[in-house]
Amino acid sequence: MRTVFLHAFPFDERMWDGYDGIAPRLYGPSASIDEWARSVAGNSLLQDEPVAVVGASMGGYCAQRLLGHADVRALALIGSRADPDTQERRRARDETIQLIRGEGVAALWEKQRPALFPEEADEAVVARARELALEQDPEELAAAVAAMRDRPDSTELVRETEAAVLVGRGEHDPFLSAEEADALAGSARNGRTHTFAGCGHLPSFERPDEFKRVITEFLAGV
């Protein structure tokens, strides 16, 4: 069973450096989350083989759609929800697209940094995340925001999958509450949750040792 790691926004596949598995880049000409999932499923290394998928935030949206395109045996969703954006959230996505196109990636980072990392986050960790973010192409990021805005509801995919499901979140994640994580895991046939204490939306950045241990233990049980 191969493991696929799907990156968060506004980063790229390098956020998974040091992890043993396949880490594709999601940005590119594809215009939807489902197209991303089909592209990942078409990877020659995954043909006719069961997979485990670890998706962080945006990567989790793609990971859920992959349920319909690959033989997924384990699904780890980190800071990801299954329901689509509300109208309020869709408007916020539109504002983000305007920000990227009008002011650039640096302005996007300044807006997102407080939501991604708590105030007390390690400065070196935040600096590395910022470095990755600022290296991204603004039009690819704008297209990614549109893809997230328009993504379909994945609730039924998670509910119906036979895969083991882990819903992880940082204790201070502003995008996914503990109650929402519990509800999502509880909707799956074989779901569980894990909270990474003291960190925000991106525990793989802030708690890499714990993150690797949790993922390793989860996959070992599949």
C-alpha atoms as a PDB file:
ATOM      1  CA  MET A   1       0.000   0.000   0.000  1.00  0.00           C
ATOM      2  CA  ARG A   2       1.491   3.308  -1.092  1.00  0.00           C
ATOM      3  CA  THR A   3       0.970   6.504   0.854  1.00  0.00           C
ATOM      4  CA  VAL A   4       0.069   9.742  -0.936  1.00  0.00           C
ATOM      5  CA  PHE A   5       0.650  13.079   0.800  1.00  0.00           C
ATOM      6  CA  LEU A   6      -1.397  16.031  -0.474  1.00  0.00           C
ATOM      7  CA  HIS A   7      -0.239  19.504   0.445  1.00  0.00           C
ATOM      8  CA  ALA A   8      -2.002  22.473   1.986  1.00  0.00           C
ATOM      9  CA  PHE A   9      -2.578  25.935   0.547  1.00  0.00           C
ATOM     10  CA  PRO A  10      -0.582  28.117  -0.073  1.00  0.00           C
ATOM     11  CA  PHE A  11       2.318  25.658  -0.032  1.00  0.00           C
ATOM     12  CA  ASP A  12       3.452  22.853  -2.316  1.00  0.00           C
ATOM     13  CA  GLU A  13       4.641  19.269  -2.184  1.00  0.00           C
ATOM     14  CA  ARG A  14       7.845  20.261  -0.372  1.00  0.00           C
ATOM     15  CA  MET A  15       5.905  20.561   2.876  1.00  0.00           C
ATOM     16  CA  TRP A  16       6.119  16.739   2.894  1.00  0.00           C
ATOM     17  CA  ASP A  17       9.905  16.543   2.533  1.00  0.00           C
ATOM     18  CA  GLY A  18      11.128  13.750   4.804  1.00  0.00           C
ATOM     19  CA  TYR A  19       7.942  11.677   4.520  1.00  0.00           C
ATOM     20  CA  ASP A  20       8.002   8.253   2.900  1.00  0.00           C
ATOM     21  CA  GLY A  21       5.475   8.305   0.071  1.00  0.00           C
ATOM     22  CA  ILE A  22       4.303  10.097  -3.061  1.00  0.00           C
ATOM     23  CA  ALA A  23       3.758  13.857  -2.776  1.00  0.00           C
ATOM     24  CA  PRO A  24       2.349  15.329  -5.999  1.00  0.00           C
ATOM     25  CA  ARG A  25       2.016  19.022  -6.743  1.00  0.00           C
ATOM     26  CA  LEU A  26      -1.671  19.906  -6.941  1.00  0.00           C
ATOM     27  CA  TYR A  27      -1.435  23.270  -8.690  1.00  0.00           C
ATOM     28  CA  GLY A  28      -1.468  23.474 -12.456  1.00  0.00           C
ATOM     29  CA  PRO A  29      -3.837  23.607 -15.392  1.00  0.00           C
ATOM     30  CA  SER A  30      -6.564  21.507 -13.750  1.00  0.00           C
ATOM     31  CA  ALA A  31      -9.401  23.715 -12.637  1.00  0.00           C
ATOM     32  CA  SER A  32     -11.206  21.647 -10.011  1.00  0.00           C
ATOM     33  CA  ILE A  33     -10.609  19.503  -6.974  1.00  0.00           C
ATOM     34  CA  ASP A  34     -12.027  16.492  -8.813  1.00  0.00           C
ATOM     35  CA  GLU A  35      -9.601  17.026 -11.696  1.00  0.00           C
ATOM     36  CA  TRP A  36      -6.773  17.113  -9.170  1.00  0.00           C
ATOM     37  CA  ALA A  37      -8.024  13.823  -7.716  1.00  0.00           C
ATOM     38  CA  ARG A  38      -8.215  12.196 -11.144  1.00  0.00           C
ATOM     39  CA  SER A  39      -4.691  13.386 -11.881  1.00  0.00           C
ATOM     40  CA  VAL A  40      -3.380  11.917  -8.623  1.00  0.00           C
ATOM     41  CA  ALA A  41      -5.209   8.634  -9.269  1.00  0.00           C
ATOM     42  CA  GLY A  42      -3.636   8.474 -12.723  1.00  0.00           C
ATOM     43  CA  ASN A  43      -0.097   8.449 -11.319  1.00  0.00           C
ATOM     44  CA  SER A  44       1.647   5.417 -12.773  1.00  0.00           C
ATOM     45  CA  LEU A  45       2.988   4.505  -9.334  1.00  0.00           C
ATOM     46  CA  LEU A  46      -0.546   4.032  -8.021  1.00  0.00           C
ATOM     47  CA  GLN A  47      -1.984   1.839 -10.743  1.00  0.00           C
ATOM     48  CA  ASP A  48      -3.701  -1.329  -9.494  1.00  0.00           C
ATOM     49  CA  GLU A  49      -2.496  -0.750  -5.953  1.00  0.00           C
ATOM     50  CA  PRO A  50      -4.347   0.223  -2.759  1.00  0.00           C
ATOM     51  CA  VAL A  51      -3.379   3.590  -1.335  1.00  0.00           C
ATOM     52  CA  ALA A  52      -3.374   5.517   1.897  1.00  0.00           C
ATOM     53  CA  VAL A  53      -3.957   9.253   1.556  1.00  0.00           C
ATOM     54  CA  VAL A  54      -2.861  12.000   3.937  1.00  0.00           C
ATOM     55  CA  GLY A  55      -4.289  15.388   3.063  1.00  0.00           C
ATOM     56  CA  ALA A  56      -3.676  18.643   4.905  1.00  0.00           C
ATOM     57  CA  SER A  57      -6.324  21.347   4.575  1.00  0.00           C
ATOM     58  CA  MET A  58      -6.695  21.864   0.796  1.00  0.00           C
ATOM     59  CA  GLY A  59      -4.987  18.505   0.302  1.00  0.00           C
ATOM     60  CA  GLY A  60      -7.700  16.939   2.427  1.00  0.00           C
ATOM     61  CA  TYR A  61     -10.365  18.208   0.048  1.00  0.00           C
ATOM     62  CA  CYS A  62      -8.566  16.436  -2.788  1.00  0.00           C
ATOM     63  CA  ALA A  63      -8.014  13.340  -0.644  1.00  0.00           C
ATOM     64  CA  GLN A  64     -11.760  12.966  -0.103  1.00  0.00           C
ATOM     65  CA  ARG A  65     -12.495  13.202  -3.830  1.00  0.00           C
ATOM     66  CA  LEU A  66      -9.833  10.546  -4.409  1.00  0.00           C
ATOM     67  CA  LEU A  67     -12.205   8.102  -2.711  1.00  0.00           C
ATOM     68  CA  GLY A  68     -14.132   8.041  -5.966  1.00  0.00           C
ATOM     69  CA  HIS A  69     -11.101   7.446  -8.177  1.00  0.00           C
ATOM     70  CA  ALA A  70      -8.751   5.048  -6.365  1.00  0.00           C
ATOM     71  CA  ASP A  71      -8.695   2.076  -4.012  1.00  0.00           C
ATOM     72  CA  VAL A  72      -8.244   4.107  -0.822  1.00  0.00           C
ATOM     73  CA  ARG A  73      -7.766   1.968   2.296  1.00  0.00           C
ATOM     74  CA  ALA A  74      -6.827   4.767   4.726  1.00  0.00           C
ATOM     75  CA  LEU A  75      -7.740   8.445   4.714  1.00  0.00           C
ATOM     76  CA  ALA A  76      -6.132  10.994   7.041  1.00  0.00           C
ATOM     77  CA  LEU A  77      -7.754  14.427   6.896  1.00  0.00           C
ATOM     78  CA  ILE A  78      -5.819  17.136   8.702  1.00  0.00           C
ATOM     79  CA  GLY A  79      -7.724  20.367   9.239  1.00  0.00           C
ATOM     80  CA  SER A  80     -10.163  19.458   6.452  1.00  0.00           C
ATOM     81  CA  ARG A  81     -13.922  19.384   6.386  1.00  0.00           C
ATOM     82  CA  ALA A  82     -16.219  17.415   4.060  1.00  0.00           C
ATOM     83  CA  ASP A  83     -19.025  19.915   3.543  1.00  0.00           C
ATOM     84  CA  PRO A  84     -18.791  22.592   0.823  1.00  0.00           C
ATOM     85  CA  ASP A  85     -18.206  26.275   1.448  1.00  0.00           C
ATOM     86  CA  THR A  86     -21.053  28.350   2.817  1.00  0.00           C
ATOM     87  CA  GLN A  87     -22.059  31.495   0.937  1.00  0.00           C
ATOM     88  CA  GLU A  88     -20.104  33.554   3.452  1.00  0.00           C
ATOM     89  CA  ARG A  89     -17.019  31.429   2.932  1.00  0.00           C
ATOM     90  CA  ARG A  90     -17.423  31.604  -0.851  1.00  0.00           C
ATOM     91  CA  ARG A  91     -17.451  35.399  -0.645  1.00  0.00           C
ATOM     92  CA  ALA A  92     -14.283  35.261   1.455  1.00  0.00           C
ATOM     93  CA  ARG A  93     -12.657  33.061  -1.198  1.00  0.00           C
ATOM     94  CA  ASP A  94     -13.541  35.647  -3.842  1.00  0.00           C
ATOM     95  CA  GLU A  95     -11.916  38.336  -1.725  1.00  0.00           C
ATOM     96  CA  THR A  96      -8.813  36.177  -1.405  1.00  0.00           C
ATOM     97  CA  ILE A  97      -8.606  35.769  -5.173  1.00  0.00           C
ATOM     98  CA  GLN A  98      -8.859  39.543  -5.579  1.00  0.00           C
ATOM     99  CA  LEU A  99      -6.137  40.018  -2.964  1.00  0.00           C
ATOM    100  CA  ILE A 100      -3.761  37.615  -4.709  1.00  0.00           C
ATOM    101  CA  ARG A 101      -4.291  39.182  -8.107  1.00  0.00           C
ATOM    102  CA  GLY A 102      -4.253  42.725  -6.850  1.00  0.00           C
ATOM    103  CA  GLU A 103      -1.516  42.682  -4.214  1.00  0.00           C
ATOM    104  CA  GLY A 104       0.392  39.443  -4.690  1.00  0.00           C
ATOM    105  CA  VAL A 105       1.433  36.433  -2.640  1.00  0.00           C
ATOM    106  CA  ALA A 106       3.153  38.479   0.082  1.00  0.00           C
ATOM    107  CA  ALA A 107      -0.144  40.174   0.890  1.00  0.00           C
ATOM    108  CA  LEU A 108      -1.868  36.789   0.937  1.00  0.00           C
ATOM    109  CA  TRP A 109       0.702  35.498   3.416  1.00  0.00           C
ATOM    110  CA  GLU A 110       0.236  38.481   5.734  1.00  0.00           C
ATOM    111  CA  LYS A 111      -3.505  37.878   5.729  1.00  0.00           C
ATOM    112  CA  GLN A 112      -3.283  34.130   6.271  1.00  0.00           C
ATOM    113  CA  ARG A 113      -0.406  33.813   8.702  1.00  0.00           C
ATOM    114  CA  PRO A 114      -2.495  34.547  11.849  1.00  0.00           C
ATOM    115  CA  ALA A 115      -5.013  31.899  10.817  1.00  0.00           C
ATOM    116  CA  LEU A 116      -2.411  29.272   9.992  1.00  0.00           C
ATOM    117  CA  PHE A 117      -0.149  29.593  13.030  1.00  0.00           C
ATOM    118  CA  PRO A 118      -0.836  30.714  16.598  1.00  0.00           C
ATOM    119  CA  GLU A 119       1.034  33.720  17.951  1.00  0.00           C
ATOM    120  CA  GLU A 120       3.426  31.536  19.954  1.00  0.00           C
ATOM    121  CA  ALA A 121       4.406  29.286  17.019  1.00  0.00           C
ATOM    122  CA  ASP A 122       8.116  28.660  16.528  1.00  0.00           C
ATOM    123  CA  GLU A 123       9.580  31.478  14.450  1.00  0.00           C
ATOM    124  CA  ALA A 124      11.742  29.139  12.384  1.00  0.00           C
ATOM    125  CA  VAL A 125       8.715  27.029  11.495  1.00  0.00           C
ATOM    126  CA  VAL A 126       6.734  30.082  10.446  1.00  0.00           C
ATOM    127  CA  ALA A 127       9.699  31.376   8.434  1.00  0.00           C
ATOM    128  CA  ARG A 128       9.948  28.094   6.514  1.00  0.00           C
ATOM    129  CA  ALA A 129       6.234  28.145   5.785  1.00  0.00           C
ATOM    130  CA  ARG A 130       6.471  31.734   4.587  1.00  0.00           C
ATOM    131  CA  GLU A 131       9.379  30.836   2.319  1.00  0.00           C
ATOM    132  CA  LEU A 132       7.357  28.075   0.660  1.00  0.00           C
ATOM    133  CA  ALA A 133       4.310  30.282   0.269  1.00  0.00           C
ATOM    134  CA  LEU A 134       6.166  33.183  -1.315  1.00  0.00           C
ATOM    135  CA  GLU A 135       7.664  30.887  -3.960  1.00  0.00           C
ATOM    136  CA  GLN A 136       4.231  30.036  -5.388  1.00  0.00           C
ATOM    137  CA  ASP A 137       2.825  31.418  -8.621  1.00  0.00           C
ATOM    138  CA  PRO A 138      -0.002  33.882  -7.863  1.00  0.00           C
ATOM    139  CA  GLU A 139      -2.233  32.702 -10.703  1.00  0.00           C
ATOM    140  CA  GLU A 140      -1.898  29.092  -9.593  1.00  0.00           C
ATOM    141  CA  LEU A 141      -2.857  30.124  -6.068  1.00  0.00           C
ATOM    142  CA  ALA A 142      -5.834  32.117  -7.333  1.00  0.00           C
ATOM    143  CA  ALA A 143      -6.987  29.080  -9.338  1.00  0.00           C
ATOM    144  CA  ALA A 144      -6.561  26.895  -6.246  1.00  0.00           C
ATOM    145  CA  VAL A 145      -8.757  29.225  -4.193  1.00  0.00           C
ATOM    146  CA  ALA A 146     -11.435  29.020  -6.888  1.00  0.00           C
ATOM    147  CA  ALA A 147     -11.160  25.211  -6.873  1.00  0.00           C
ATOM    148  CA  MET A 148     -11.659  25.145  -3.098  1.00  0.00           C
ATOM    149  CA  ARG A 149     -14.576  27.573  -3.359  1.00  0.00           C
ATOM    150  CA  ASP A 150     -16.324  25.411  -5.951  1.00  0.00           C
ATOM    151  CA  ARG A 151     -15.535  21.988  -4.521  1.00  0.00           C
ATOM    152  CA  PRO A 152     -18.458  19.551  -4.189  1.00  0.00           C
ATOM    153  CA  ASP A 153     -19.825  18.118  -0.973  1.00  0.00           C
ATOM    154  CA  SER A 154     -17.788  15.065   0.085  1.00  0.00           C
ATOM    155  CA  THR A 155     -19.950  14.127   3.065  1.00  0.00           C
ATOM    156  CA  GLU A 156     -21.382  11.005   1.412  1.00  0.00           C
ATOM    157  CA  LEU A 157     -17.976   9.847   0.185  1.00  0.00           C
ATOM    158  CA  VAL A 158     -16.637   9.910   3.744  1.00  0.00           C
ATOM    159  CA  ARG A 159     -19.785   8.323   5.149  1.00  0.00           C
ATOM    160  CA  GLU A 160     -19.793   5.453   2.675  1.00  0.00           C
ATOM    161  CA  THR A 161     -16.098   4.615   2.441  1.00  0.00           C
ATOM    162  CA  GLU A 162     -14.778   1.367   3.844  1.00  0.00           C
ATOM    163  CA  ALA A 163     -11.438   3.080   4.425  1.00  0.00           C
ATOM    164  CA  ALA A 164     -10.167   3.806   7.905  1.00  0.00           C
ATOM    165  CA  VAL A 165     -10.552   7.546   8.510  1.00  0.00           C
ATOM    166  CA  LEU A 166      -8.488   9.768  10.780  1.00  0.00           C
ATOM    167  CA  VAL A 167      -9.581  13.369  11.292  1.00  0.00           C
ATOM    168  CA  GLY A 168      -6.764  15.392  12.823  1.00  0.00           C
ATOM    169  CA  ARG A 169      -6.680  19.013  13.868  1.00  0.00           C
ATOM    170  CA  GLY A 170      -4.533  21.435  15.789  1.00  0.00           C
ATOM    171  CA  GLU A 171      -5.932  22.482  19.138  1.00  0.00           C
ATOM    172  CA  HIS A 172      -6.102  26.107  17.992  1.00  0.00           C
ATOM    173  CA  ASP A 173      -7.232  25.471  14.411  1.00  0.00           C
ATOM    174  CA  PRO A 174      -9.712  28.261  13.529  1.00  0.00           C
ATOM    175  CA  PHE A 175     -11.055  26.406  10.478  1.00  0.00           C
ATOM    176  CA  LEU A 176     -12.123  23.087  12.033  1.00  0.00           C
ATOM    177  CA  SER A 177     -13.507  22.868  15.551  1.00  0.00           C
ATOM    178  CA  ALA A 178     -13.193  19.847  17.803  1.00  0.00           C
ATOM    179  CA  GLU A 179     -16.955  19.306  17.506  1.00  0.00           C
ATOM    180  CA  GLU A 180     -16.774  19.363  13.709  1.00  0.00           C
ATOM    181  CA  ALA A 181     -13.839  16.954  13.679  1.00  0.00           C
ATOM    182  CA  ASP A 182     -15.686  14.557  15.985  1.00  0.00           C
ATOM    183  CA  ALA A 183     -18.803  14.739  13.819  1.00  0.00           C
ATOM    184  CA  LEU A 184     -16.863  14.043  10.623  1.00  0.00           C
ATOM    185  CA  ALA A 185     -15.002  11.095  12.129  1.00  0.00           C
ATOM    186  CA  GLY A 186     -18.222   9.833  13.663  1.00  0.00           C
ATOM    187  CA  SER A 187     -19.943   9.853  10.285  1.00  0.00           C
ATOM    188  CA  ALA A 188     -17.400   7.393   8.867  1.00  0.00           C
ATOM    189  CA  ARG A 189     -17.774   3.653   9.318  1.00  0.00           C
ATOM    190  CA  ASN A 190     -14.295   3.414  10.811  1.00  0.00           C
ATOM    191  CA  GLY A 191     -13.336   6.888  11.980  1.00  0.00           C
ATOM    192  CA  ARG A 192     -11.334   8.426  14.779  1.00  0.00           C
ATOM    193  CA  THR A 193      -9.891  11.802  15.727  1.00  0.00           C
ATOM    194  CA  HIS A 194      -6.638  13.198  17.026  1.00  0.00           C
ATOM    195  CA  THR A 195      -5.959  16.647  18.417  1.00  0.00           C
ATOM    196  CA  PHE A 196      -2.443  18.081  18.250  1.00  0.00           C
ATOM    197  CA  ALA A 197      -2.110  20.111  21.426  1.00  0.00           C
ATOM    198  CA  GLY A 198      -0.878  23.670  21.339  1.00  0.00           C
ATOM    199  CA  CYS A 199      -0.712  24.146  17.580  1.00  0.00           C
ATOM    200  CA  GLY A 200      -2.776  25.676  14.807  1.00  0.00           C
ATOM    201  CA  HIS A 201      -3.997  24.641  11.377  1.00  0.00           C
ATOM    202  CA  LEU A 202      -0.795  22.923  10.235  1.00  0.00           C
ATOM    203  CA  PRO A 203       0.390  20.351  12.802  1.00  0.00           C
ATOM    204  CA  SER A 204       2.803  18.729  10.332  1.00  0.00           C
ATOM    205  CA  PHE A 205       4.774  21.994  10.439  1.00  0.00           C
ATOM    206  CA  GLU A 206       4.478  22.644  14.167  1.00  0.00           C
ATOM    207  CA  ARG A 207       4.520  19.109  15.581  1.00  0.00           C
ATOM    208  CA  PRO A 208       6.435  17.046  12.991  1.00  0.00           C
ATOM    209  CA  ASP A 209       7.538  14.272  15.363  1.00  0.00           C
ATOM    210  CA  GLU A 210       4.075  13.770  16.813  1.00  0.00           C
ATOM    211  CA  PHE A 211       2.531  14.065  13.367  1.00  0.00           C
ATOM    212  CA  LYS A 212       4.753  11.340  11.933  1.00  0.00           C
ATOM    213  CA  ARG A 213       4.082   9.104  14.924  1.00  0.00           C
ATOM    214  CA  VAL A 214       0.315   9.548  14.692  1.00  0.00           C
ATOM    215  CA  ILE A 215       0.256   8.891  10.935  1.00  0.00           C
ATOM    216  CA  THR A 216       2.569   5.880  11.265  1.00  0.00           C
ATOM    217  CA  GLU A 217       0.432   4.343  13.999  1.00  0.00           C
ATOM    218  CA  PHE A 218      -2.761   5.020  12.053  1.00  0.00           C
ATOM    219  CA  LEU A 219      -1.447   3.393   8.896  1.00  0.00           C
ATOM    220  CA  ALA A 220      -0.012   0.449  10.806  1.00  0.00           C
ATOM    221  CA  GLY A 221      -3.511  -0.416  11.956  1.00  0.00           C
ATOM    222  CA  VAL A 222      -4.929  -0.606   8.438  1.00  0.00           C
END
